[in-house]
Amino acid sequence: MDKIFKLKIFPVLFLIVIVVLNNNALAKKKFKNKPTSFSKPYRCLADLNNCSKYGATKNGSIPDYVMKSLEVILENSTKYSINPRAINQAVQFYTSNYDNICNKKFITIVDYNKPQLKDRLTIINLEDQTIESIKVANGTNTDPDHDGKANRFSNNDGDSTSSIGFYLTGKEYIGTKGQSMGLQGLSDNYNSNACSRDIVLHGDNYPNSKYKVAQGGRSNGCLALTQSDVDSTIQKIQNGSLLYSYHETLASAYPVFKNESLAFDQPNLRIGLK
């Protein structure tokens, strides 16, 4: 009887092993050529050797088509449901720091004035003037009232809050949340600790869930996208594009942004420019 049982169970165990091995192979194939780990500082920084991939050259003047795109976006911000103050501040920063931006093709605005269930991460393509808006979750303690409205921000480790201000996007990597992208905070006192805090962009399930939002099921401060959006978003904006996380808190704090370019000269924020 024992022998018959062993003979029957062996093929089942064999099939289970084959399925597990096959799933592991598929998982590796899915993320083929994607780095599985980076040190914190390295994954937060752009790969400056690949800036030419985005049609960008260092120390070059801003092309006419980019200036035209910026004008169109500014004039039609309301039409595109983009906060006028946020896009104005982002454009000021972009043009003031054009030489220091590797991926010049995109500007991303995260408008934390919008409720969490709204599409509040907007990707602006400056080459073809297309606009794409998607959902993004905020940190748990950024919405202490659990009403879906962001009203608390921090630059401190362990706060489980989102950070506002200007970022440069870093590298794509595979982390504990799967496909992810590092972020380098450029706004001193607002997000300069983003890298050391592990504030990154990654995929997860909570941006779309009313139940989880109501129960406080948000990120630890990261920009968390739906799994269906994370790959396409990272492929566009990774490697040194400008991302601006905005809230009305910044309206009086940063009326003019030209001095913000000094952040690139601070040793802890340097992006490797020579």
Foldseek 3Di string as FASTA:
>chain_A
DVVVVCVVVVVVVVVVVVVVVVVVVVVCVVCPPFAADDPLVQLAFFDLVCLVVQVDDAPDADDPLLVVLLVVCLVCVVVLVHDNVQSVQQVQVCNLCVRVFRNAQWEWEAELQDFQLDQRIWIAGSNVRDIDTFGWFWFLVLCVVLPRHGDDAFQDAPPSGAFFFKWWKGHWHQDPQGTWTHIAHLDPRTHNCCSVNVATEHEDDPSNDSVCSSVSNTGSHHTYGHPVPRPVVCVRRHRGYMYGYDYCVCVVVPVDCSVSSCSCVDVSRPNPDD
